[in-house]
Amino acid sequence: MASSGLELLWVSAPQLAKGAWETLSISAASIFFASLGGVLYGVLRNLAGLWSKRWLDLTLRIYLEAFRAIPVLVWLYLLFFGLPIFLGVSVPSFWCAVLVLSLWGASEVGEVVRGGLQSLPRGQREAGLAIGLSTPQLYAEVLLPQALKRIMPPTINVYTRIIKTSSLAVLIGVVEVIKVGQQIIERTYESLLIYGFLFVFFFLLCYPLSAASRVLERRWSHA
């Protein structure tokens, strides 16, 4: 029984590897864009409060609440099926998944960044401005590096959620690792073996990130 299971995994390895690569690609691209968008969101929210730009703060709040209140699955369906109907724009399923996960992830990372920036002593900003730093220089060279210790552990937790949520891409036709697993199960009826493989796959992806988050949180809490 064990040998037949190993044989099935060996025979299915190329197909599983292709699906795993698709999952990794979606996750990596989404994490990259979510990080960039999250930093931009957090800085703009911070500046909106400092500059009393109510319209900017309101716009960013609406964006945040839209992705908090509406499930990721609904956004996937809305963009994948709705854009061709209403705007005549067709987005490939892979990039639709990346777009939705990036926008959702950016809202989550952005709130973490905003909180980290607001937790810094006000004197840090005033000192940077006093020595003639521009606003971009102030954030890039003073504020964001200091906030990094505070925002990294919760940001890593967002990354693990992005990886796990990437499995929803199967519902808009992305042939990622779960879809490949379903195809193999339909052909072989070896559901326990394949779901066991998927369990191990996602565990090996997410657990190191979760462990790193806990280590960083403990280390930096005493720094």
C-alpha atoms as a PDB file:
ATOM      1  CA  MET A   1       0.000   0.000   0.000  1.00  0.00           C
ATOM      2  CA  ALA A   2       2.788   2.391   0.965  1.00  0.00           C
ATOM      3  CA  SER A   3       4.796   1.514  -2.123  1.00  0.00           C
ATOM      4  CA  SER A   4       1.804   2.125  -4.386  1.00  0.00           C
ATOM      5  CA  GLY A   5       1.282   5.527  -2.729  1.00  0.00           C
ATOM      6  CA  LEU A   6       4.898   6.484  -3.248  1.00  0.00           C
ATOM      7  CA  GLU A   7       4.680   5.257  -6.831  1.00  0.00           C
ATOM      8  CA  LEU A   8       1.619   7.440  -7.441  1.00  0.00           C
ATOM      9  CA  LEU A   9       3.397  10.493  -6.024  1.00  0.00           C
ATOM     10  CA  TRP A  10       6.434   9.743  -8.169  1.00  0.00           C
ATOM     11  CA  VAL A  11       4.357   9.379 -11.325  1.00  0.00           C
ATOM     12  CA  SER A  12       2.376  12.516 -10.469  1.00  0.00           C
ATOM     13  CA  ALA A  13       5.437  14.520  -9.452  1.00  0.00           C
ATOM     14  CA  PRO A  14       5.743  16.556 -12.693  1.00  0.00           C
ATOM     15  CA  GLN A  15       2.059  17.512 -12.564  1.00  0.00           C
ATOM     16  CA  LEU A  16       2.222  18.342  -8.853  1.00  0.00           C
ATOM     17  CA  ALA A  17       5.417  20.329  -9.355  1.00  0.00           C
ATOM     18  CA  LYS A  18       3.762  22.400 -12.071  1.00  0.00           C
ATOM     19  CA  GLY A  19       0.790  23.132  -9.825  1.00  0.00           C
ATOM     20  CA  ALA A  20       3.064  23.920  -6.882  1.00  0.00           C
ATOM     21  CA  TRP A  21       5.029  26.351  -9.045  1.00  0.00           C
ATOM     22  CA  GLU A  22       1.785  28.087 -10.002  1.00  0.00           C
ATOM     23  CA  THR A  23       0.855  28.448  -6.335  1.00  0.00           C
ATOM     24  CA  LEU A  24       4.315  29.728  -5.445  1.00  0.00           C
ATOM     25  CA  SER A  25       4.243  32.205  -8.332  1.00  0.00           C
ATOM     26  CA  ILE A  26       0.860  33.619  -7.337  1.00  0.00           C
ATOM     27  CA  SER A  27       1.909  33.853  -3.695  1.00  0.00           C
ATOM     28  CA  ALA A  28       5.308  35.437  -4.391  1.00  0.00           C
ATOM     29  CA  ALA A  29       3.915  38.003  -6.837  1.00  0.00           C
ATOM     30  CA  SER A  30       1.047  38.871  -4.497  1.00  0.00           C
ATOM     31  CA  ILE A  31       3.355  39.256  -1.498  1.00  0.00           C
ATOM     32  CA  PHE A  32       5.685  41.496  -3.516  1.00  0.00           C
ATOM     33  CA  PHE A  33       2.933  43.828  -4.731  1.00  0.00           C
ATOM     34  CA  ALA A  34       1.114  43.729  -1.386  1.00  0.00           C
ATOM     35  CA  SER A  35       4.316  44.839   0.343  1.00  0.00           C
ATOM     36  CA  LEU A  36       4.845  47.756  -2.034  1.00  0.00           C
ATOM     37  CA  GLY A  37       1.194  48.771  -1.893  1.00  0.00           C
ATOM     38  CA  GLY A  38       1.056  48.331   1.866  1.00  0.00           C
ATOM     39  CA  VAL A  39       4.023  50.615   2.490  1.00  0.00           C
ATOM     40  CA  LEU A  40       2.525  53.233   0.163  1.00  0.00           C
ATOM     41  CA  TYR A  41      -0.863  52.940   1.881  1.00  0.00           C
ATOM     42  CA  GLY A  42       0.631  53.182   5.365  1.00  0.00           C
ATOM     43  CA  VAL A  43       2.742  56.232   4.507  1.00  0.00           C
ATOM     44  CA  LEU A  44      -0.172  57.999   2.808  1.00  0.00           C
ATOM     45  CA  ARG A  45      -2.501  57.315   5.752  1.00  0.00           C
ATOM     46  CA  ASN A  46       0.155  58.673   8.076  1.00  0.00           C
ATOM     47  CA  LEU A  47       0.655  61.776   5.950  1.00  0.00           C
ATOM     48  CA  ALA A  48      -3.091  62.301   5.547  1.00  0.00           C
ATOM     49  CA  GLY A  49      -3.391  62.638   9.318  1.00  0.00           C
ATOM     50  CA  LEU A  50      -0.375  64.905   9.635  1.00  0.00           C
ATOM     51  CA  TRP A  51      -1.433  67.135   6.762  1.00  0.00           C
ATOM     52  CA  SER A  52      -5.148  67.072   7.680  1.00  0.00           C
ATOM     53  CA  LYS A  53      -6.060  65.774   4.205  1.00  0.00           C
ATOM     54  CA  ARG A  54      -9.520  64.437   4.996  1.00  0.00           C
ATOM     55  CA  TRP A  55     -10.277  63.499   1.376  1.00  0.00           C
ATOM     56  CA  LEU A  56      -7.136  61.336   1.187  1.00  0.00           C
ATOM     57  CA  ASP A  57      -7.822  59.675   4.523  1.00  0.00           C
ATOM     58  CA  LEU A  58     -11.439  59.000   3.496  1.00  0.00           C
ATOM     59  CA  THR A  59     -10.374  57.511   0.155  1.00  0.00           C
ATOM     60  CA  LEU A  60      -7.916  55.164   1.831  1.00  0.00           C
ATOM     61  CA  ARG A  61     -10.471  54.200   4.487  1.00  0.00           C
ATOM     62  CA  ILE A  62     -13.013  53.291   1.807  1.00  0.00           C
ATOM     63  CA  TYR A  63     -10.399  51.126   0.081  1.00  0.00           C
ATOM     64  CA  LEU A  64      -9.557  49.426   3.374  1.00  0.00           C
ATOM     65  CA  GLU A  65     -13.146  48.746   4.346  1.00  0.00           C
ATOM     66  CA  ALA A  66     -14.015  47.484   0.865  1.00  0.00           C
ATOM     67  CA  PHE A  67     -11.435  44.718   1.198  1.00  0.00           C
ATOM     68  CA  ARG A  68     -12.251  44.052   4.842  1.00  0.00           C
ATOM     69  CA  ALA A  69     -15.996  43.809   4.361  1.00  0.00           C
ATOM     70  CA  ILE A  70     -16.102  41.889   1.063  1.00  0.00           C
ATOM     71  CA  PRO A  71     -14.589  38.363   0.977  1.00  0.00           C
ATOM     72  CA  VAL A  72     -11.632  37.713  -1.315  1.00  0.00           C
ATOM     73  CA  LEU A  73     -13.668  35.122  -3.196  1.00  0.00           C
ATOM     74  CA  VAL A  74     -16.284  37.735  -4.108  1.00  0.00           C
ATOM     75  CA  TRP A  75     -13.547  40.061  -5.398  1.00  0.00           C
ATOM     76  CA  LEU A  76     -12.135  37.219  -7.502  1.00  0.00           C
ATOM     77  CA  TYR A  77     -15.509  36.524  -9.098  1.00  0.00           C
ATOM     78  CA  LEU A  78     -16.284  40.224  -9.484  1.00  0.00           C
ATOM     79  CA  LEU A  79     -13.074  41.018 -11.372  1.00  0.00           C
ATOM     80  CA  PHE A  80     -12.756  37.784 -13.334  1.00  0.00           C
ATOM     81  CA  PHE A  81     -16.372  37.595 -14.489  1.00  0.00           C
ATOM     82  CA  GLY A  82     -17.493  41.207 -14.040  1.00  0.00           C
ATOM     83  CA  LEU A  83     -14.776  43.103 -15.913  1.00  0.00           C
ATOM     84  CA  PRO A  84     -15.460  41.387 -19.271  1.00  0.00           C
ATOM     85  CA  ILE A  85     -19.198  42.045 -18.887  1.00  0.00           C
ATOM     86  CA  PHE A  86     -19.123  45.663 -17.741  1.00  0.00           C
ATOM     87  CA  LEU A  87     -15.889  46.996 -19.215  1.00  0.00           C
ATOM     88  CA  GLY A  88     -15.041  44.507 -21.933  1.00  0.00           C
ATOM     89  CA  VAL A  89     -11.687  43.852 -20.241  1.00  0.00           C
ATOM     90  CA  SER A  90     -10.613  40.260 -19.794  1.00  0.00           C
ATOM     91  CA  VAL A  91      -7.935  39.556 -17.183  1.00  0.00           C
ATOM     92  CA  PRO A  92      -6.180  36.150 -17.283  1.00  0.00           C
ATOM     93  CA  SER A  93      -7.076  34.045 -14.261  1.00  0.00           C
ATOM     94  CA  PHE A  94      -3.486  34.002 -12.954  1.00  0.00           C
ATOM     95  CA  TRP A  95      -3.164  37.794 -12.989  1.00  0.00           C
ATOM     96  CA  CYS A  96      -6.675  38.259 -11.672  1.00  0.00           C
ATOM     97  CA  ALA A  97      -5.704  36.175  -8.632  1.00  0.00           C
ATOM     98  CA  VAL A  98      -2.492  38.176  -8.202  1.00  0.00           C
ATOM     99  CA  LEU A  99      -4.382  41.473  -8.532  1.00  0.00           C
ATOM    100  CA  VAL A 100      -7.018  40.601  -5.930  1.00  0.00           C
ATOM    101  CA  LEU A 101      -4.562  39.086  -3.457  1.00  0.00           C
ATOM    102  CA  SER A 102      -2.228  42.062  -3.886  1.00  0.00           C
ATOM    103  CA  LEU A 103      -4.970  44.612  -3.257  1.00  0.00           C
ATOM    104  CA  TRP A 104      -6.295  42.678  -0.280  1.00  0.00           C
ATOM    105  CA  GLY A 105      -2.807  42.087   1.091  1.00  0.00           C
ATOM    106  CA  ALA A 106      -1.874  45.750   0.618  1.00  0.00           C
ATOM    107  CA  SER A 107      -4.824  46.812   2.772  1.00  0.00           C
ATOM    108  CA  GLU A 108      -3.705  44.438   5.538  1.00  0.00           C
ATOM    109  CA  VAL A 109       0.001  45.311   5.323  1.00  0.00           C
ATOM    110  CA  GLY A 110      -0.880  48.989   5.017  1.00  0.00           C
ATOM    111  CA  GLU A 111      -2.707  49.033   8.336  1.00  0.00           C
ATOM    112  CA  VAL A 112       0.267  47.334   9.973  1.00  0.00           C
ATOM    113  CA  VAL A 113       2.627  49.938   8.491  1.00  0.00           C
ATOM    114  CA  ARG A 114       0.349  52.796   9.543  1.00  0.00           C
ATOM    115  CA  GLY A 115       0.231  51.500  13.094  1.00  0.00           C
ATOM    116  CA  GLY A 116       3.990  51.056  13.174  1.00  0.00           C
ATOM    117  CA  LEU A 117       4.600  54.593  11.977  1.00  0.00           C
ATOM    118  CA  GLN A 118       2.135  56.079  14.433  1.00  0.00           C
ATOM    119  CA  SER A 119       3.812  54.245  17.310  1.00  0.00           C
ATOM    120  CA  LEU A 120       7.122  56.035  16.719  1.00  0.00           C
ATOM    121  CA  PRO A 121       7.952  59.030  18.931  1.00  0.00           C
ATOM    122  CA  ARG A 122       6.927  62.299  17.287  1.00  0.00           C
ATOM    123  CA  GLY A 123      10.409  63.641  17.911  1.00  0.00           C
ATOM    124  CA  GLN A 124      11.842  61.318  15.260  1.00  0.00           C
ATOM    125  CA  ARG A 125       9.873  63.040  12.537  1.00  0.00           C
ATOM    126  CA  GLU A 126      10.617  66.498  13.867  1.00  0.00           C
ATOM    127  CA  ALA A 127      14.341  65.746  14.092  1.00  0.00           C
ATOM    128  CA  GLY A 128      14.421  64.502  10.511  1.00  0.00           C
ATOM    129  CA  LEU A 129      12.675  67.586   9.213  1.00  0.00           C
ATOM    130  CA  ALA A 130      14.924  69.818  11.316  1.00  0.00           C
ATOM    131  CA  ILE A 131      18.065  68.536   9.566  1.00  0.00           C
ATOM    132  CA  GLY A 132      16.556  69.263   6.165  1.00  0.00           C
ATOM    133  CA  LEU A 133      15.291  65.854   5.054  1.00  0.00           C
ATOM    134  CA  SER A 134      12.531  65.836   2.459  1.00  0.00           C
ATOM    135  CA  THR A 135       9.387  63.825   3.160  1.00  0.00           C
ATOM    136  CA  PRO A 136      10.527  60.833   0.994  1.00  0.00           C
ATOM    137  CA  GLN A 137      13.948  60.886   2.665  1.00  0.00           C
ATOM    138  CA  LEU A 138      12.369  61.143   6.110  1.00  0.00           C
ATOM    139  CA  TYR A 139      10.305  57.992   5.587  1.00  0.00           C
ATOM    140  CA  ALA A 140      12.935  56.033   3.665  1.00  0.00           C
ATOM    141  CA  GLU A 141      15.894  56.817   5.923  1.00  0.00           C
ATOM    142  CA  VAL A 142      14.406  57.466   9.354  1.00  0.00           C
ATOM    143  CA  LEU A 143      10.837  56.383  10.017  1.00  0.00           C
ATOM    144  CA  LEU A 144      10.356  53.168   8.022  1.00  0.00           C
ATOM    145  CA  PRO A 145      13.668  51.597   9.157  1.00  0.00           C
ATOM    146  CA  GLN A 146      12.719  52.268  12.782  1.00  0.00           C
ATOM    147  CA  ALA A 147       9.201  50.943  12.295  1.00  0.00           C
ATOM    148  CA  LEU A 148      10.515  47.754  10.649  1.00  0.00           C
ATOM    149  CA  LYS A 149      11.049  45.966  13.963  1.00  0.00           C
ATOM    150  CA  ARG A 150       7.477  46.671  14.991  1.00  0.00           C
ATOM    151  CA  ILE A 151       5.771  45.808  11.723  1.00  0.00           C
ATOM    152  CA  MET A 152       7.718  42.770  10.521  1.00  0.00           C
ATOM    153  CA  PRO A 153       6.145  40.039  12.737  1.00  0.00           C
ATOM    154  CA  PRO A 154       2.501  40.979  11.925  1.00  0.00           C
ATOM    155  CA  THR A 155       3.447  41.560   8.284  1.00  0.00           C
ATOM    156  CA  ILE A 156       4.826  38.020   8.039  1.00  0.00           C
ATOM    157  CA  ASN A 157       1.497  36.765   9.395  1.00  0.00           C
ATOM    158  CA  VAL A 158      -0.227  38.570   6.523  1.00  0.00           C
ATOM    159  CA  TYR A 159       2.134  36.814   4.110  1.00  0.00           C
ATOM    160  CA  THR A 160       1.084  33.394   5.413  1.00  0.00           C
ATOM    161  CA  ARG A 161      -2.563  34.361   4.952  1.00  0.00           C
ATOM    162  CA  ILE A 162      -1.854  35.384   1.361  1.00  0.00           C
ATOM    163  CA  ILE A 163      -0.245  31.987   0.689  1.00  0.00           C
ATOM    164  CA  LYS A 164      -3.203  30.108   2.152  1.00  0.00           C
ATOM    165  CA  THR A 165      -5.774  32.326   0.430  1.00  0.00           C
ATOM    166  CA  SER A 166      -4.068  31.757  -2.932  1.00  0.00           C
ATOM    167  CA  SER A 167      -5.848  28.394  -2.967  1.00  0.00           C
ATOM    168  CA  LEU A 168      -9.059  30.271  -3.896  1.00  0.00           C
ATOM    169  CA  ALA A 169      -7.558  30.876  -7.342  1.00  0.00           C
ATOM    170  CA  VAL A 170      -8.691  27.374  -8.250  1.00  0.00           C
ATOM    171  CA  LEU A 171     -12.272  28.703  -8.394  1.00  0.00           C
ATOM    172  CA  ILE A 172     -11.499  30.995 -11.342  1.00  0.00           C
ATOM    173  CA  GLY A 173      -9.664  28.340 -13.329  1.00  0.00           C
ATOM    174  CA  VAL A 174      -6.059  28.650 -12.181  1.00  0.00           C
ATOM    175  CA  VAL A 175      -4.446  25.231 -12.353  1.00  0.00           C
ATOM    176  CA  GLU A 176      -2.511  25.549  -9.120  1.00  0.00           C
ATOM    177  CA  VAL A 177      -1.524  22.790  -6.735  1.00  0.00           C
ATOM    178  CA  ILE A 178      -5.017  22.177  -5.306  1.00  0.00           C
ATOM    179  CA  LYS A 179      -6.559  21.949  -8.773  1.00  0.00           C
ATOM    180  CA  VAL A 180      -3.836  19.499  -9.788  1.00  0.00           C
ATOM    181  CA  GLY A 181      -4.558  17.486  -6.649  1.00  0.00           C
ATOM    182  CA  GLN A 182      -8.259  17.369  -7.521  1.00  0.00           C
ATOM    183  CA  GLN A 183      -7.444  16.171 -11.030  1.00  0.00           C
ATOM    184  CA  ILE A 184      -5.274  13.369  -9.677  1.00  0.00           C
ATOM    185  CA  ILE A 185      -7.959  12.347  -7.168  1.00  0.00           C
ATOM    186  CA  GLU A 186     -10.593  12.213  -9.926  1.00  0.00           C
ATOM    187  CA  ARG A 187      -8.292   9.902 -11.870  1.00  0.00           C
ATOM    188  CA  THR A 188      -6.974   7.674  -9.084  1.00  0.00           C
ATOM    189  CA  TYR A 189      -9.436   8.075  -6.151  1.00  0.00           C
ATOM    190  CA  GLU A 190      -6.430   8.419  -3.822  1.00  0.00           C
ATOM    191  CA  SER A 191      -7.912  11.333  -1.911  1.00  0.00           C
ATOM    192  CA  LEU A 192      -6.182  10.666   1.425  1.00  0.00           C
ATOM    193  CA  LEU A 193      -2.744  10.501  -0.155  1.00  0.00           C
ATOM    194  CA  ILE A 194      -3.168  13.634  -2.272  1.00  0.00           C
ATOM    195  CA  TYR A 195      -4.740  15.704   0.506  1.00  0.00           C
ATOM    196  CA  GLY A 196      -1.914  14.547   2.743  1.00  0.00           C
ATOM    197  CA  PHE A 197       0.549  15.866   0.183  1.00  0.00           C
ATOM    198  CA  LEU A 198      -1.306  19.198   0.022  1.00  0.00           C
ATOM    199  CA  PHE A 199      -1.274  19.402   3.821  1.00  0.00           C
ATOM    200  CA  VAL A 200       2.495  18.900   3.901  1.00  0.00           C
ATOM    201  CA  PHE A 201       3.024  21.334   1.004  1.00  0.00           C
ATOM    202  CA  PHE A 202       1.181  24.236   2.626  1.00  0.00           C
ATOM    203  CA  PHE A 203       2.607  23.409   6.053  1.00  0.00           C
ATOM    204  CA  LEU A 204       6.159  23.596   4.709  1.00  0.00           C
ATOM    205  CA  LEU A 205       5.351  26.927   3.081  1.00  0.00           C
ATOM    206  CA  CYS A 206       3.611  28.607   5.996  1.00  0.00           C
ATOM    207  CA  TYR A 207       5.133  27.161   9.156  1.00  0.00           C
ATOM    208  CA  PRO A 208       8.658  28.593   8.619  1.00  0.00           C
ATOM    209  CA  LEU A 209       7.121  32.041   8.139  1.00  0.00           C
ATOM    210  CA  SER A 210       5.010  31.693  11.277  1.00  0.00           C
ATOM    211  CA  ALA A 211       8.030  30.471  13.238  1.00  0.00           C
ATOM    212  CA  ALA A 212      10.133  33.370  11.935  1.00  0.00           C
ATOM    213  CA  SER A 213       7.415  35.797  12.996  1.00  0.00           C
ATOM    214  CA  ARG A 214       7.435  34.448  16.562  1.00  0.00           C
ATOM    215  CA  VAL A 215      11.232  34.514  16.754  1.00  0.00           C
ATOM    216  CA  LEU A 216      11.414  38.105  15.519  1.00  0.00           C
ATOM    217  CA  GLU A 217       8.660  39.188  17.880  1.00  0.00           C
ATOM    218  CA  ARG A 218      10.463  37.694  20.892  1.00  0.00           C
ATOM    219  CA  ARG A 219      13.860  39.022  19.852  1.00  0.00           C
ATOM    220  CA  TRP A 220      12.733  42.554  19.065  1.00  0.00           C
ATOM    221  CA  SER A 221      10.452  42.850  22.065  1.00  0.00           C
ATOM    222  CA  HIS A 222      13.549  42.802  24.262  1.00  0.00           C
ATOM    223  CA  ALA A 223      15.633  45.036  22.004  1.00  0.00           C
END
